[in-house]
N, C-alpha and C. Protein backbone atom coordinates (compact mmCIF):
# COMPACT_ATOMS: atom_id res chain seq x y z
N MET A 1 0.63 -1.51 0.31
CA MET A 1 0.00 -0.16 -0.01
C MET A 1 1.00 1.30 0.24
N ASN A 2 0.12 2.32 -0.25
CA ASN A 2 0.82 3.35 -0.77
C ASN A 2 1.46 4.08 0.94
N GLU A 3 2.37 5.10 0.91
CA GLU A 3 2.53 6.13 2.18
C GLU A 3 1.56 6.62 2.65
N ALA A 4 0.48 7.41 1.63
CA ALA A 4 -0.35 8.50 2.12
C ALA A 4 -1.51 7.56 2.63
N ALA A 5 -2.04 6.45 2.23
CA ALA A 5 -2.88 5.71 2.46
C ALA A 5 -2.32 4.78 3.93
N HIS A 6 -3.39 5.14 4.93
CA HIS A 6 -3.90 4.53 6.04
C HIS A 6 -4.87 3.01 6.42
N THR A 7 -4.61 2.02 7.01
CA THR A 7 -5.50 1.01 6.77
C THR A 7 -6.38 1.09 8.20
N GLU A 8 -5.75 2.24 8.78
CA GLU A 8 -6.81 2.08 10.36
C GLU A 8 -7.36 3.58 10.55
N GLU A 9 -8.76 3.83 10.82
CA GLU A 9 -9.06 5.19 10.94
C GLU A 9 -8.30 5.89 11.75
N ASP A 10 -8.12 7.09 11.09
CA ASP A 10 -7.39 8.14 11.32
C ASP A 10 -8.07 9.28 11.17
N PRO A 11 -8.68 9.86 12.43
CA PRO A 11 -9.56 10.96 12.34
C PRO A 11 -8.96 12.21 11.54
N GLY A 12 -9.99 13.29 10.67
CA GLY A 12 -9.14 14.18 10.02
C GLY A 12 -8.87 13.75 8.82
N VAL A 13 -8.86 12.72 8.29
CA VAL A 13 -8.43 12.24 6.76
C VAL A 13 -9.98 11.73 6.23
N ILE A 14 -9.36 11.88 4.76
CA ILE A 14 -10.60 11.34 4.00
C ILE A 14 -10.54 9.56 4.19
N THR A 15 -11.57 8.73 4.15
CA THR A 15 -11.61 7.69 4.36
C THR A 15 -12.43 7.04 2.98
N ILE A 16 -12.21 6.55 2.24
CA ILE A 16 -12.58 5.59 1.22
C ILE A 16 -12.70 4.41 1.70
N TYR A 17 -14.47 4.15 1.35
CA TYR A 17 -14.85 2.75 1.64
C TYR A 17 -14.19 1.66 0.30
N THR A 18 -14.15 0.77 0.84
CA THR A 18 -13.60 -0.25 -0.53
C THR A 18 -14.64 -1.50 -0.74
N THR A 19 -14.46 -2.01 -1.89
CA THR A 19 -15.00 -3.40 -1.85
C THR A 19 -13.70 -4.25 -3.13
N PRO A 20 -13.79 -5.53 -3.13
CA PRO A 20 -13.18 -6.20 -3.52
C PRO A 20 -13.35 -6.14 -5.12
N GLY A 21 -11.97 -6.01 -5.72
CA GLY A 21 -12.47 -5.93 -7.16
C GLY A 21 -13.30 -4.46 -7.95
N CYS A 22 -13.33 -3.57 -6.90
CA CYS A 22 -13.60 -2.18 -7.43
C CYS A 22 -12.79 -1.74 -8.09
N MET A 23 -13.12 -1.61 -9.42
CA MET A 23 -12.07 -0.38 -10.26
C MET A 23 -12.05 0.92 -9.89
N GLY A 24 -13.32 1.53 -9.74
CA GLY A 24 -13.34 2.73 -8.84
C GLY A 24 -12.83 3.12 -8.17
N CYS A 25 -12.82 1.82 -6.84
CA CYS A 25 -12.13 2.20 -5.97
C CYS A 25 -10.79 2.53 -6.19
N GLU A 26 -9.80 1.89 -7.01
CA GLU A 26 -8.53 1.58 -7.07
C GLU A 26 -8.31 2.59 -7.90
N MET A 27 -9.23 3.30 -8.85
CA MET A 27 -8.91 4.38 -9.25
C MET A 27 -8.92 5.93 -8.49
N THR A 28 -9.88 5.61 -7.35
CA THR A 28 -9.92 6.94 -6.37
C THR A 28 -8.68 7.00 -4.99
N ILE A 29 -8.66 5.78 -5.26
CA ILE A 29 -6.62 5.54 -4.60
C ILE A 29 -6.07 6.22 -5.30
N LYS A 30 -5.71 5.61 -6.76
CA LYS A 30 -4.59 5.84 -7.12
C LYS A 30 -4.46 7.95 -7.50
N GLN A 31 -5.68 7.98 -7.83
CA GLN A 31 -5.79 9.78 -7.87
C GLN A 31 -5.70 9.97 -6.42
N LEU A 32 -5.99 10.20 -5.31
CA LEU A 32 -5.42 10.54 -4.00
C LEU A 32 -4.09 10.62 -3.86
N THR A 33 -3.39 9.14 -4.02
CA THR A 33 -2.04 8.85 -3.67
C THR A 33 -1.27 9.94 -4.72
N LYS A 34 -1.73 9.99 -5.79
CA LYS A 34 -0.86 10.67 -6.95
C LYS A 34 -0.96 12.11 -6.17
N ALA A 35 -1.80 12.85 -5.99
CA ALA A 35 -1.95 14.11 -5.13
C ALA A 35 -1.44 14.00 -4.16
N GLY A 36 -1.07 13.16 -3.41
CA GLY A 36 -0.46 13.07 -1.99
C GLY A 36 -1.21 13.54 -1.13
N LEU A 37 -2.42 12.93 -1.02
CA LEU A 37 -3.58 13.23 0.00
C LEU A 37 -3.80 12.14 0.84
N PRO A 38 -3.46 12.55 2.47
CA PRO A 38 -3.47 11.29 3.28
C PRO A 38 -5.05 10.71 3.28
N PHE A 39 -5.48 9.81 3.27
CA PHE A 39 -6.37 8.95 3.88
C PHE A 39 -6.57 7.27 4.24
N ASN A 40 -7.95 7.00 4.89
CA ASN A 40 -7.76 6.11 5.08
C ASN A 40 -8.83 4.63 4.27
N VAL A 41 -8.55 3.85 4.19
CA VAL A 41 -9.34 2.82 3.33
C VAL A 41 -9.39 1.61 4.55
N VAL A 42 -10.80 1.30 4.21
CA VAL A 42 -11.82 0.70 4.68
C VAL A 42 -12.38 -0.29 4.04
N ASP A 43 -12.04 -1.64 4.14
CA ASP A 43 -12.84 -2.56 2.98
C ASP A 43 -14.01 -2.84 3.64
N LEU A 44 -15.10 -2.91 2.96
CA LEU A 44 -16.38 -2.92 3.21
C LEU A 44 -16.85 -4.48 3.28
N SER A 45 -16.03 -5.46 2.80
CA SER A 45 -16.30 -6.70 2.90
C SER A 45 -15.96 -7.29 4.16
N THR A 46 -15.36 -6.66 5.24
CA THR A 46 -15.19 -7.12 6.45
C THR A 46 -15.90 -6.14 7.73
N ARG A 47 -16.72 -5.61 6.85
CA ARG A 47 -17.58 -4.54 7.72
C ARG A 47 -18.84 -4.58 7.00
N PRO A 48 -19.69 -5.88 7.56
CA PRO A 48 -21.19 -6.04 6.82
C PRO A 48 -22.22 -4.90 7.84
N ASP A 49 -21.75 -4.38 9.02
CA ASP A 49 -22.47 -3.32 9.71
C ASP A 49 -22.56 -1.83 8.80
N LEU A 50 -21.19 -1.35 8.38
CA LEU A 50 -21.09 -0.34 7.35
C LEU A 50 -21.82 -0.71 6.20
N VAL A 51 -21.54 -1.32 5.78
CA VAL A 51 -22.57 -1.72 4.28
C VAL A 51 -24.04 -1.58 4.66
N GLU A 52 -24.64 -2.10 5.67
CA GLU A 52 -26.11 -1.73 5.96
C GLU A 52 -26.50 -0.30 6.65
N GLU A 53 -25.40 0.32 7.14
CA GLU A 53 -25.33 1.48 7.29
C GLU A 53 -25.76 2.46 6.34
N PHE A 54 -24.63 2.43 5.08
CA PHE A 54 -24.42 3.05 4.24
C PHE A 54 -25.69 2.76 3.03
N ARG A 55 -26.22 1.52 2.77
CA ARG A 55 -27.67 1.25 2.23
C ARG A 55 -28.75 1.91 2.82
N SER A 56 -28.81 2.16 4.30
CA SER A 56 -29.93 2.98 4.48
C SER A 56 -29.60 4.35 4.27
N GLU A 57 -28.67 4.81 3.91
CA GLU A 57 -28.27 6.33 3.85
C GLU A 57 -28.32 6.17 2.06
N GLY A 58 -28.63 5.27 1.58
CA GLY A 58 -28.85 5.41 0.04
C GLY A 58 -27.69 5.52 -0.76
N LEU A 59 -26.22 4.90 0.09
CA LEU A 59 -25.25 5.12 -0.70
C LEU A 59 -25.01 3.70 -0.99
N MET A 60 -25.12 3.29 -2.40
CA MET A 60 -25.43 1.81 -2.56
C MET A 60 -24.00 1.42 -3.53
N ASN A 61 -23.05 2.25 -4.25
CA ASN A 61 -22.00 1.83 -4.60
C ASN A 61 -21.12 2.18 -3.88
N ALA A 62 -19.43 1.32 -4.21
CA ALA A 62 -18.42 1.56 -3.99
C ALA A 62 -17.54 2.23 -5.23
N PRO A 63 -16.73 2.69 -4.79
CA PRO A 63 -16.40 3.42 -3.62
C PRO A 63 -16.99 4.71 -2.93
N ILE A 64 -17.34 4.73 -1.58
CA ILE A 64 -17.66 5.80 -0.60
C ILE A 64 -16.97 6.49 -0.24
N VAL A 65 -16.63 7.81 -0.59
CA VAL A 65 -15.27 8.49 -0.20
C VAL A 65 -15.94 9.44 1.12
N GLU A 66 -15.19 9.74 2.26
CA GLU A 66 -16.18 9.96 3.34
C GLU A 66 -14.82 11.66 3.81
N ASP A 67 -15.27 12.53 3.87
CA ASP A 67 -14.17 13.87 3.71
C ASP A 67 -14.04 14.34 5.03
N GLN A 68 -13.61 15.10 4.84
CA GLN A 68 -13.05 15.39 6.85
C GLN A 68 -13.90 15.99 7.30
N ASN A 69 -15.29 16.35 6.84
CA ASN A 69 -16.15 16.74 7.35
C ASN A 69 -17.65 15.95 7.66
N SER A 70 -16.85 14.68 7.31
CA SER A 70 -18.30 13.70 7.25
C SER A 70 -19.18 13.35 6.14
N GLN A 71 -18.89 14.00 5.14
CA GLN A 71 -19.80 14.25 3.94
C GLN A 71 -19.13 13.01 2.92
N ARG A 72 -20.37 12.32 2.96
CA ARG A 72 -20.20 10.85 2.21
C ARG A 72 -20.73 11.02 0.41
N THR A 73 -20.38 10.50 -0.45
CA THR A 73 -20.58 10.12 -1.71
C THR A 73 -20.26 8.38 -2.17
N ALA A 74 -21.19 8.42 -2.77
CA ALA A 74 -21.03 6.98 -3.36
C ALA A 74 -20.51 6.81 -5.14
N GLY A 75 -19.81 5.77 -5.07
CA GLY A 75 -19.36 5.70 -7.04
C GLY A 75 -17.90 6.13 -7.16
N PHE A 76 -17.54 5.93 -8.21
CA PHE A 76 -16.32 6.73 -8.88
C PHE A 76 -16.85 8.08 -9.15
N ARG A 77 -16.22 8.86 -8.82
CA ARG A 77 -16.56 10.07 -9.12
C ARG A 77 -15.66 11.16 -9.07
N PRO A 78 -15.12 11.53 -10.56
CA PRO A 78 -13.92 12.34 -10.51
C PRO A 78 -14.36 13.76 -10.14
N ASP A 79 -15.11 14.22 -10.43
CA ASP A 79 -15.59 15.79 -9.73
C ASP A 79 -15.16 15.77 -8.17
N ARG A 80 -16.04 14.44 -7.53
CA ARG A 80 -15.21 15.01 -6.08
C ARG A 80 -14.39 14.83 -5.87
N ILE A 81 -13.03 13.74 -6.50
CA ILE A 81 -11.93 13.74 -6.33
C ILE A 81 -11.10 15.27 -6.45
N ARG A 82 -11.11 15.53 -7.52
CA ARG A 82 -11.02 17.02 -8.01
C ARG A 82 -11.29 18.16 -6.93
N SER A 83 -12.63 18.09 -6.50
CA SER A 83 -12.73 18.94 -5.13
C SER A 83 -11.78 18.91 -4.04
N LEU A 84 -12.03 17.13 -3.59
CA LEU A 84 -10.95 17.12 -2.33
C LEU A 84 -9.73 17.27 -2.37
N ILE A 85 -9.20 17.43 -4.02
CA ILE A 85 -7.78 17.49 -4.27
C ILE A 85 -7.65 18.99 -4.06
N ALA A 86 -8.56 19.83 -4.43
CA ALA A 86 -8.02 21.54 -4.56
C ALA A 86 -8.65 21.79 -2.95
N ALA A 87 -9.62 21.24 -2.20
CA ALA A 87 -9.77 21.95 -1.08
C ALA A 87 -8.44 21.82 -0.46
N SER A 88 -7.45 20.91 -0.52
CA SER A 88 -6.38 20.63 0.30
C SER A 88 -4.92 21.39 -0.65
N ALA A 89 -5.21 22.24 -1.92
CA ALA A 89 -4.47 22.57 -2.50
C ALA A 89 -3.15 23.44 -1.81
N PRO A 90 -3.48 23.83 -0.84
CA PRO A 90 -2.59 24.82 -0.08
C PRO A 90 -1.35 23.78 0.83
N THR A 91 -2.01 22.86 1.00
CA THR A 91 -1.11 21.76 1.91
C THR A 91 -0.26 21.12 0.97
N LEU A 92 -0.54 20.95 0.02
CA LEU A 92 0.00 20.08 -1.33
C LEU A 92 1.59 20.75 -2.17
N SER A 93 1.87 19.85 -2.61
CA SER A 93 3.52 20.34 -3.44
C SER A 93 2.92 20.76 -4.84
N SER A 94 3.77 21.02 -5.17
CA SER A 94 3.49 21.95 -6.99
C SER A 94 2.77 20.71 -7.72
N GLY A 95 2.93 19.67 -7.66
CA GLY A 95 2.42 18.84 -8.44
C GLY A 95 0.95 18.54 -8.50
N THR A 96 0.10 19.20 -7.82
CA THR A 96 -1.03 19.05 -7.68
C THR A 96 -1.50 19.43 -9.02
N HIS A 97 -1.12 20.30 -9.52
CA HIS A 97 -1.65 21.09 -11.16
C HIS A 97 -1.47 19.88 -12.33
N SER A 98 -0.56 19.00 -12.25
CA SER A 98 -0.39 18.23 -13.11
C SER A 98 -1.83 16.88 -12.92
N THR A 99 -2.25 16.60 -11.15
CA THR A 99 -2.93 15.86 -10.97
C THR A 99 -4.06 16.37 -11.48
N ASN A 100 -4.98 17.75 -11.06
CA ASN A 100 -6.01 17.97 -11.52
C ASN A 100 -6.15 18.20 -12.98
N ALA A 101 -5.30 18.52 -13.79
CA ALA A 101 -5.22 18.48 -15.41
C ALA A 101 -5.85 16.72 -15.34
N SER A 102 -4.49 15.60 -15.31
CA SER A 102 -5.38 14.39 -15.51
C SER A 102 -6.41 14.05 -15.12
N MET A 103 -7.44 14.46 -14.12
CA MET A 103 -8.43 13.99 -13.50
C MET A 103 -9.29 14.88 -14.64
N ARG A 104 -9.16 16.05 -15.41
CA ARG A 104 -10.44 16.39 -16.29
C ARG A 104 -10.23 15.61 -17.33
N ASN A 105 -9.38 14.81 -17.62
CA ASN A 105 -9.20 14.28 -18.62
C ASN A 105 -9.90 12.62 -18.62
N THR A 106 -9.99 12.52 -17.64
CA THR A 106 -10.85 11.15 -16.87
C THR A 106 -12.13 11.43 -17.46
N SER A 107 -12.70 10.17 -18.49
CA SER A 107 -14.11 10.57 -18.66
C SER A 107 -15.42 10.09 -17.84
N LEU A 108 -16.00 10.87 -17.75
CA LEU A 108 -17.30 10.78 -16.84
C LEU A 108 -17.79 9.54 -17.00
N ALA A 109 -17.55 8.63 -18.19
CA ALA A 109 -18.32 7.16 -18.54
C ALA A 109 -17.62 6.22 -17.33
N ARG A 110 -16.59 6.46 -16.83
CA ARG A 110 -16.05 5.69 -15.56
C ARG A 110 -16.45 5.25 -14.74
N ARG A 111 -17.77 6.43 -14.21
CA ARG A 111 -18.89 6.60 -13.60
C ARG A 111 -19.31 4.89 -13.41
N GLY A 112 -19.59 4.26 -14.33
CA GLY A 112 -19.72 2.69 -14.76
C GLY A 112 -19.00 1.69 -13.78
N GLU A 113 -17.94 2.31 -13.45
CA GLU A 113 -16.98 1.32 -12.85
C GLU A 113 -16.87 1.54 -11.12
N SER A 114 -17.84 2.20 -10.75
CA SER A 114 -18.42 1.80 -9.25
C SER A 114 -18.79 0.33 -9.51
N LYS A 115 -18.84 -0.09 -8.15
CA LYS A 115 -19.56 -1.37 -7.50
C LYS A 115 -20.37 -1.35 -6.85
N THR A 116 -21.46 -1.90 -7.02
CA THR A 116 -22.58 -2.10 -6.27
C THR A 116 -22.24 -2.49 -4.71
N LEU A 117 -22.74 -2.49 -3.89
CA LEU A 117 -22.57 -2.97 -2.69
C LEU A 117 -23.68 -4.26 -2.11
């Protein structure tokens, strides 16, 4: 796993809830790693309690991304990833600009790469 990702809950950073074989999860992790953002990763296959909680909230697709303000979104969302990167821009290195450019080039058709919980 990359240096920016944490597998245990670290309050104050982004949390990515994933499922095995989820391409959208992998792409989200890749983009946040490339941007140098710290984040936690929680495998939902080991947390059925969270799956039920998310379903009750209408969050049906992985990845589920929870930001520092506890706002959650479901599915692969390039727009959401860009906003998380932009929100932390003052703390990132100058490499952020190329990450944002590469995210703009990511097709929105990839939203279909989310995985149903």
